[in-house]
Amino acid sequence: MEVNIYGRNIKVTERLEEYVSDKVQKFAQLGDNVKDIDVKFSKDGHLGGESIRVEITVVGTGPVLRSEAQGHDKFAVFDETYGKLLERLRRARDRRKLHKRGGKHPVSVADATGSIPVVTEAITEILLPDIPVEEAAFDNSEVTLADEAASPIEIRHKSFKGERLTPAEAVDRMELVGHDFYLYIDSETGAPAAAYRRKGWSYGIITLDNE
């Protein structure tokens, strides 16, 4: 396993390098065939004042893991960034152990909500007073309702190649990258699906059906 520690506009002392090198060895114990670990300390004017950013990237089998944090103390910021990645790896490891012991599997939306009775409720329309737009400012703000209506809505698009996974594998990937959901292609059905985190130690699966 190769560990690269470097700084941009900031000096990485020998003490800091030894501290980081010793701590990141834990990733090799929890990760899946970890090959490279990059730890970057940086400081620039955009962060404001003496703020320092630490970025950690872990490369191994599976998705590339990244985490970052910023603050004013190099050791404290590293510990925060390190802690985030360590928690992801531990959760993924615990999930693998649970799966091997035959623990809980991800629940689909249909299964999770199938027993919930459908309740029909009357919808009461709330009528607001007819207030002229020019009088509808908030706390003397310069932004009016007309301004908000005229503002364009920004929608960002991102595309990537879908990977064929089982629901359990998708949940593992989601935990590793630190997201609340993970998009994939179901390896059994070939349908687009999404794994997501529910409240507590449980997960759900949403699958698209063309029929």
C-alpha atoms as a PDB file:
ATOM      1  CA  MET A   1       0.000   0.000   0.000  1.00  0.00           C
ATOM      2  CA  GLU A   2       1.357   3.406  -1.006  1.00  0.00           C
ATOM      3  CA  VAL A   3       0.681   6.497   1.110  1.00  0.00           C
ATOM      4  CA  ASN A   4       1.205   9.946  -0.435  1.00  0.00           C
ATOM      5  CA  ILE A   5       1.150  12.984   1.850  1.00  0.00           C
ATOM      6  CA  TYR A   6       1.692  16.418   0.371  1.00  0.00           C
ATOM      7  CA  GLY A   7       0.807  20.076   0.837  1.00  0.00           C
ATOM      8  CA  ARG A   8      -0.187  22.968  -1.396  1.00  0.00           C
ATOM      9  CA  ASN A   9       0.758  26.401  -0.065  1.00  0.00           C
ATOM     10  CA  ILE A  10       1.355  24.756   3.297  1.00  0.00           C
ATOM     11  CA  LYS A  11       4.280  22.890   4.859  1.00  0.00           C
ATOM     12  CA  VAL A  12       3.819  19.278   5.914  1.00  0.00           C
ATOM     13  CA  THR A  13       6.144  18.798   8.877  1.00  0.00           C
ATOM     14  CA  GLU A  14       7.855  15.526   9.689  1.00  0.00           C
ATOM     15  CA  ARG A  15       5.720  15.204  12.827  1.00  0.00           C
ATOM     16  CA  LEU A  16       2.511  15.672  10.825  1.00  0.00           C
ATOM     17  CA  GLU A  17       3.648  13.186   8.177  1.00  0.00           C
ATOM     18  CA  GLU A  18       4.410  10.533  10.798  1.00  0.00           C
ATOM     19  CA  TYR A  19       1.071  11.159  12.493  1.00  0.00           C
ATOM     20  CA  VAL A  20      -0.876  10.795   9.232  1.00  0.00           C
ATOM     21  CA  SER A  21       1.079   7.742   8.045  1.00  0.00           C
ATOM     22  CA  ASP A  22       0.412   5.925  11.296  1.00  0.00           C
ATOM     23  CA  LYS A  23      -3.329   6.705  11.338  1.00  0.00           C
ATOM     24  CA  VAL A  24      -4.155   5.768   7.733  1.00  0.00           C
ATOM     25  CA  GLN A  25      -2.836   2.228   8.212  1.00  0.00           C
ATOM     26  CA  LYS A  26      -6.269   1.507   9.698  1.00  0.00           C
ATOM     27  CA  PHE A  27      -7.804   1.909   6.231  1.00  0.00           C
ATOM     28  CA  ALA A  28      -5.910  -1.155   5.015  1.00  0.00           C
ATOM     29  CA  GLN A  29      -7.466  -3.249   7.800  1.00  0.00           C
ATOM     30  CA  LEU A  30     -11.040  -2.160   7.045  1.00  0.00           C
ATOM     31  CA  GLY A  31     -10.919  -1.502   3.303  1.00  0.00           C
ATOM     32  CA  ASP A  32     -11.120  -3.896   0.377  1.00  0.00           C
ATOM     33  CA  ASN A  33      -7.594  -4.391  -1.012  1.00  0.00           C
ATOM     34  CA  VAL A  34      -6.501  -0.770  -0.462  1.00  0.00           C
ATOM     35  CA  LYS A  35      -3.670   0.149  -2.843  1.00  0.00           C
ATOM     36  CA  ASP A  36      -3.178   3.925  -2.625  1.00  0.00           C
ATOM     37  CA  ILE A  37      -3.968   6.598  -0.053  1.00  0.00           C
ATOM     38  CA  ASP A  38      -3.524  10.283  -0.906  1.00  0.00           C
ATOM     39  CA  VAL A  39      -3.657  12.912   1.837  1.00  0.00           C
ATOM     40  CA  LYS A  40      -3.580  16.518   0.659  1.00  0.00           C
ATOM     41  CA  PHE A  41      -3.235  19.601   2.879  1.00  0.00           C
ATOM     42  CA  SER A  42      -3.992  22.905   1.155  1.00  0.00           C
ATOM     43  CA  LYS A  43      -4.451  26.570   1.932  1.00  0.00           C
ATOM     44  CA  ASP A  44      -5.715  29.237  -0.454  1.00  0.00           C
ATOM     45  CA  GLY A  45      -7.367  32.631  -0.365  1.00  0.00           C
ATOM     46  CA  HIS A  46     -10.791  31.268  -1.283  1.00  0.00           C
ATOM     47  CA  LEU A  47     -11.028  29.464   2.051  1.00  0.00           C
ATOM     48  CA  GLY A  48     -10.650  32.726   3.951  1.00  0.00           C
ATOM     49  CA  GLY A  49      -7.962  33.658   6.458  1.00  0.00           C
ATOM     50  CA  GLU A  50      -5.787  30.803   7.650  1.00  0.00           C
ATOM     51  CA  SER A  51      -8.344  28.088   6.911  1.00  0.00           C
ATOM     52  CA  ILE A  52      -6.850  24.727   5.929  1.00  0.00           C
ATOM     53  CA  ARG A  53      -8.481  22.006   3.833  1.00  0.00           C
ATOM     54  CA  VAL A  54      -7.599  18.327   4.119  1.00  0.00           C
ATOM     55  CA  GLU A  55      -8.624  15.848   1.408  1.00  0.00           C
ATOM     56  CA  ILE A  56      -8.174  12.093   1.733  1.00  0.00           C
ATOM     57  CA  THR A  57      -8.572   9.728  -1.239  1.00  0.00           C
ATOM     58  CA  VAL A  58      -8.511   5.941  -0.828  1.00  0.00           C
ATOM     59  CA  VAL A  59      -8.114   3.747  -3.922  1.00  0.00           C
ATOM     60  CA  GLY A  60      -8.697   0.007  -3.811  1.00  0.00           C
ATOM     61  CA  THR A  61     -11.116  -2.604  -5.087  1.00  0.00           C
ATOM     62  CA  GLY A  62     -14.495  -0.970  -5.620  1.00  0.00           C
ATOM     63  CA  PRO A  63     -15.375   2.733  -5.656  1.00  0.00           C
ATOM     64  CA  VAL A  64     -12.800   5.436  -4.940  1.00  0.00           C
ATOM     65  CA  LEU A  65     -13.408   6.878  -1.470  1.00  0.00           C
ATOM     66  CA  ARG A  66     -12.993  10.588  -0.793  1.00  0.00           C
ATOM     67  CA  SER A  67     -13.546  12.825   2.185  1.00  0.00           C
ATOM     68  CA  GLU A  68     -12.599  16.373   3.089  1.00  0.00           C
ATOM     69  CA  ALA A  69     -12.922  18.929   5.861  1.00  0.00           C
ATOM     70  CA  GLN A  70     -11.564  22.348   6.659  1.00  0.00           C
ATOM     71  CA  GLY A  71     -10.574  24.332   9.718  1.00  0.00           C
ATOM     72  CA  HIS A  72      -7.620  26.106  11.281  1.00  0.00           C
ATOM     73  CA  ASP A  73      -5.621  23.297  12.901  1.00  0.00           C
ATOM     74  CA  LYS A  74      -3.897  20.786  10.613  1.00  0.00           C
ATOM     75  CA  PHE A  75      -4.129  17.887  13.039  1.00  0.00           C
ATOM     76  CA  ALA A  76      -7.759  18.551  13.996  1.00  0.00           C
ATOM     77  CA  VAL A  77      -8.889  18.904  10.379  1.00  0.00           C
ATOM     78  CA  PHE A  78      -7.088  15.701   9.419  1.00  0.00           C
ATOM     79  CA  ASP A  79      -8.722  13.845  12.316  1.00  0.00           C
ATOM     80  CA  GLU A  80     -12.160  15.034  11.185  1.00  0.00           C
ATOM     81  CA  THR A  81     -11.563  13.938   7.591  1.00  0.00           C
ATOM     82  CA  TYR A  82     -10.034  10.653   8.711  1.00  0.00           C
ATOM     83  CA  GLY A  83     -12.973   9.980  11.037  1.00  0.00           C
ATOM     84  CA  LYS A  84     -15.518  10.377   8.234  1.00  0.00           C
ATOM     85  CA  LEU A  85     -13.818   7.775   6.047  1.00  0.00           C
ATOM     86  CA  LEU A  86     -13.197   5.424   8.948  1.00  0.00           C
ATOM     87  CA  GLU A  87     -16.900   5.442   9.840  1.00  0.00           C
ATOM     88  CA  ARG A  88     -17.889   4.615   6.246  1.00  0.00           C
ATOM     89  CA  LEU A  89     -15.475   1.691   6.113  1.00  0.00           C
ATOM     90  CA  ARG A  90     -16.642   0.349   9.476  1.00  0.00           C
ATOM     91  CA  ARG A  91     -20.305   0.524   8.478  1.00  0.00           C
ATOM     92  CA  ALA A  92     -19.574  -1.282   5.211  1.00  0.00           C
ATOM     93  CA  ARG A  93     -17.606  -3.973   7.067  1.00  0.00           C
ATOM     94  CA  ASP A  94     -20.399  -4.441   9.626  1.00  0.00           C
ATOM     95  CA  ARG A  95     -22.946  -4.727   6.830  1.00  0.00           C
ATOM     96  CA  ARG A  96     -20.906  -7.441   5.141  1.00  0.00           C
ATOM     97  CA  LYS A  97     -20.737  -9.370   8.425  1.00  0.00           C
ATOM     98  CA  LEU A  98     -24.489  -8.988   8.932  1.00  0.00           C
ATOM     99  CA  HIS A  99     -25.160 -10.195   5.402  1.00  0.00           C
ATOM    100  CA  LYS A 100     -22.975 -13.287   5.894  1.00  0.00           C
ATOM    101  CA  ARG A 101     -24.882 -14.141   9.099  1.00  0.00           C
ATOM    102  CA  GLY A 102     -28.176 -13.890   7.238  1.00  0.00           C
ATOM    103  CA  GLY A 103     -29.236 -10.555   8.693  1.00  0.00           C
ATOM    104  CA  LYS A 104     -31.751  -8.079   7.353  1.00  0.00           C
ATOM    105  CA  HIS A 105     -31.855  -7.446   3.617  1.00  0.00           C
ATOM    106  CA  PRO A 106     -32.795  -4.149   1.946  1.00  0.00           C
ATOM    107  CA  VAL A 107     -36.556  -3.614   1.748  1.00  0.00           C
ATOM    108  CA  SER A 108     -38.332  -2.501  -1.413  1.00  0.00           C
ATOM    109  CA  VAL A 109     -40.786   0.402  -1.295  1.00  0.00           C
ATOM    110  CA  ALA A 110     -43.648  -1.916  -2.318  1.00  0.00           C
ATOM    111  CA  ASP A 111     -42.906  -4.364   0.509  1.00  0.00           C
ATOM    112  CA  ALA A 112     -42.379  -1.620   3.071  1.00  0.00           C
ATOM    113  CA  THR A 113     -45.653   0.171   2.294  1.00  0.00           C
ATOM    114  CA  GLY A 114     -47.826  -2.765   1.206  1.00  0.00           C
ATOM    115  CA  SER A 115     -49.518  -3.169   4.595  1.00  0.00           C
ATOM    116  CA  ILE A 116     -50.235   0.539   5.087  1.00  0.00           C
ATOM    117  CA  PRO A 117     -53.962   1.291   4.550  1.00  0.00           C
ATOM    118  CA  VAL A 118     -54.831   3.977   2.039  1.00  0.00           C
ATOM    119  CA  VAL A 119     -56.639   6.868   3.707  1.00  0.00           C
ATOM    120  CA  THR A 120     -58.620   9.291   1.592  1.00  0.00           C
ATOM    121  CA  GLU A 121     -58.599  12.763   3.024  1.00  0.00           C
ATOM    122  CA  ALA A 122     -60.432  15.845   1.910  1.00  0.00           C
ATOM    123  CA  ILE A 123     -58.089  18.562   0.753  1.00  0.00           C
ATOM    124  CA  THR A 124     -59.046  22.002   1.953  1.00  0.00           C
ATOM    125  CA  GLU A 125     -57.937  24.798  -0.308  1.00  0.00           C
ATOM    126  CA  ILE A 126     -56.337  27.635   1.582  1.00  0.00           C
ATOM    127  CA  LEU A 127     -57.111  30.999   0.059  1.00  0.00           C
ATOM    128  CA  LEU A 128     -54.564  33.709   0.646  1.00  0.00           C
ATOM    129  CA  PRO A 129     -55.498  37.388   0.611  1.00  0.00           C
ATOM    130  CA  ASP A 130     -54.938  39.144  -2.682  1.00  0.00           C
ATOM    131  CA  ILE A 131     -51.825  41.161  -1.867  1.00  0.00           C
ATOM    132  CA  PRO A 132     -50.193  43.281  -4.568  1.00  0.00           C
ATOM    133  CA  VAL A 133     -46.726  42.057  -5.485  1.00  0.00           C
ATOM    134  CA  GLU A 134     -45.094  45.323  -4.559  1.00  0.00           C
ATOM    135  CA  GLU A 135     -46.386  44.979  -0.989  1.00  0.00           C
ATOM    136  CA  ALA A 136     -45.272  41.396  -0.548  1.00  0.00           C
ATOM    137  CA  ALA A 137     -41.689  42.051   0.531  1.00  0.00           C
ATOM    138  CA  PHE A 138     -40.195  40.305   3.548  1.00  0.00           C
ATOM    139  CA  ASP A 139     -38.623  42.499   6.223  1.00  0.00           C
ATOM    140  CA  ASN A 140     -37.951  45.286   3.718  1.00  0.00           C
ATOM    141  CA  SER A 141     -36.002  42.849   1.543  1.00  0.00           C
ATOM    142  CA  GLU A 142     -35.223  43.981  -1.980  1.00  0.00           C
ATOM    143  CA  VAL A 143     -36.315  40.589  -3.357  1.00  0.00           C
ATOM    144  CA  THR A 144     -40.018  40.512  -4.264  1.00  0.00           C
ATOM    145  CA  LEU A 145     -42.295  37.671  -5.291  1.00  0.00           C
ATOM    146  CA  ALA A 146     -42.086  38.888  -8.861  1.00  0.00           C
ATOM    147  CA  ASP A 147     -38.290  38.709  -8.715  1.00  0.00           C
ATOM    148  CA  GLU A 148     -38.421  35.131  -7.436  1.00  0.00           C
ATOM    149  CA  ALA A 149     -40.904  34.096 -10.125  1.00  0.00           C
ATOM    150  CA  ALA A 150     -38.670  35.550 -12.837  1.00  0.00           C
ATOM    151  CA  SER A 151     -35.520  33.846 -11.522  1.00  0.00           C
ATOM    152  CA  PRO A 152     -34.511  30.772 -13.564  1.00  0.00           C
ATOM    153  CA  ILE A 153     -34.534  27.404 -11.798  1.00  0.00           C
ATOM    154  CA  GLU A 154     -31.132  25.751 -12.000  1.00  0.00           C
ATOM    155  CA  ILE A 155     -31.239  22.015 -12.683  1.00  0.00           C
ATOM    156  CA  ARG A 156     -27.921  20.217 -12.746  1.00  0.00           C
ATOM    157  CA  HIS A 157     -27.559  17.041 -14.782  1.00  0.00           C
ATOM    158  CA  LYS A 158     -25.075  14.254 -14.153  1.00  0.00           C
ATOM    159  CA  SER A 159     -24.769  10.983 -16.041  1.00  0.00           C
ATOM    160  CA  PHE A 160     -22.646   7.905 -15.447  1.00  0.00           C
ATOM    161  CA  LYS A 161     -22.463   4.309 -16.611  1.00  0.00           C
ATOM    162  CA  GLY A 162     -24.785   2.047 -14.649  1.00  0.00           C
ATOM    163  CA  GLU A 163     -23.168  -0.882 -12.852  1.00  0.00           C
ATOM    164  CA  ARG A 164     -24.900  -4.250 -12.495  1.00  0.00           C
ATOM    165  CA  LEU A 165     -25.135  -5.065  -8.776  1.00  0.00           C
ATOM    166  CA  THR A 166     -27.263  -6.974  -6.311  1.00  0.00           C
ATOM    167  CA  PRO A 167     -29.218  -4.891  -3.757  1.00  0.00           C
ATOM    168  CA  ALA A 168     -26.748  -5.868  -1.014  1.00  0.00           C
ATOM    169  CA  GLU A 169     -23.778  -4.815  -3.153  1.00  0.00           C
ATOM    170  CA  ALA A 170     -25.469  -1.490  -3.944  1.00  0.00           C
ATOM    171  CA  VAL A 171     -25.976  -0.779  -0.242  1.00  0.00           C
ATOM    172  CA  ASP A 172     -22.309  -1.556   0.419  1.00  0.00           C
ATOM    173  CA  ARG A 173     -21.269   0.894  -2.313  1.00  0.00           C
ATOM    174  CA  MET A 174     -23.609   3.546  -0.917  1.00  0.00           C
ATOM    175  CA  GLU A 175     -22.062   3.231   2.540  1.00  0.00           C
ATOM    176  CA  LEU A 176     -18.538   3.431   1.158  1.00  0.00           C
ATOM    177  CA  VAL A 177     -19.080   6.616  -0.855  1.00  0.00           C
ATOM    178  CA  GLY A 178     -21.009   8.206   2.035  1.00  0.00           C
ATOM    179  CA  HIS A 179     -24.224   9.013   0.145  1.00  0.00           C
ATOM    180  CA  ASP A 180     -27.848   8.591   1.206  1.00  0.00           C
ATOM    181  CA  PHE A 181     -28.700   6.803  -2.046  1.00  0.00           C
ATOM    182  CA  TYR A 182     -26.970   4.817  -4.801  1.00  0.00           C
ATOM    183  CA  LEU A 183     -28.155   4.252  -8.396  1.00  0.00           C
ATOM    184  CA  TYR A 184     -27.411   0.956 -10.128  1.00  0.00           C
ATOM    185  CA  ILE A 185     -28.724  -1.729 -12.491  1.00  0.00           C
ATOM    186  CA  ASP A 186     -30.268  -4.747 -10.770  1.00  0.00           C
ATOM    187  CA  SER A 187     -28.134  -7.725 -11.793  1.00  0.00           C
ATOM    188  CA  GLU A 188     -31.100 -10.124 -11.655  1.00  0.00           C
ATOM    189  CA  THR A 189     -33.831  -8.132 -13.408  1.00  0.00           C
ATOM    190  CA  GLY A 190     -31.769  -5.675 -15.476  1.00  0.00           C
ATOM    191  CA  ALA A 191     -34.006  -2.835 -14.258  1.00  0.00           C
ATOM    192  CA  PRO A 192     -32.716   0.576 -13.074  1.00  0.00           C
ATOM    193  CA  ALA A 193     -32.852   0.768  -9.287  1.00  0.00           C
ATOM    194  CA  ALA A 194     -31.814   2.919  -6.334  1.00  0.00           C
ATOM    195  CA  ALA A 195     -30.722   1.896  -2.857  1.00  0.00           C
ATOM    196  CA  TYR A 196     -31.413   4.438  -0.121  1.00  0.00           C
ATOM    197  CA  ARG A 197     -30.920   4.830   3.607  1.00  0.00           C
ATOM    198  CA  ARG A 198     -33.973   4.691   5.863  1.00  0.00           C
ATOM    199  CA  LYS A 199     -34.260   5.700   9.514  1.00  0.00           C
ATOM    200  CA  GLY A 200     -32.169   3.571  11.802  1.00  0.00           C
ATOM    201  CA  TRP A 201     -30.047   0.648  10.658  1.00  0.00           C
ATOM    202  CA  SER A 202     -32.184  -0.187   7.613  1.00  0.00           C
ATOM    203  CA  TYR A 203     -32.241   0.402   3.867  1.00  0.00           C
ATOM    204  CA  GLY A 204     -34.713   0.494   0.991  1.00  0.00           C
ATOM    205  CA  ILE A 205     -34.696  -0.306  -2.720  1.00  0.00           C
ATOM    206  CA  ILE A 206     -36.632   1.539  -5.446  1.00  0.00           C
ATOM    207  CA  THR A 207     -36.912  -0.235  -8.809  1.00  0.00           C
ATOM    208  CA  LEU A 208     -38.301   1.191 -12.063  1.00  0.00           C
ATOM    209  CA  ASP A 209     -40.895  -0.949 -13.830  1.00  0.00           C
ATOM    210  CA  ASN A 210     -41.828  -0.266 -17.457  1.00  0.00           C
ATOM    211  CA  GLU A 211     -45.029  -2.289 -17.270  1.00  0.00           C
END
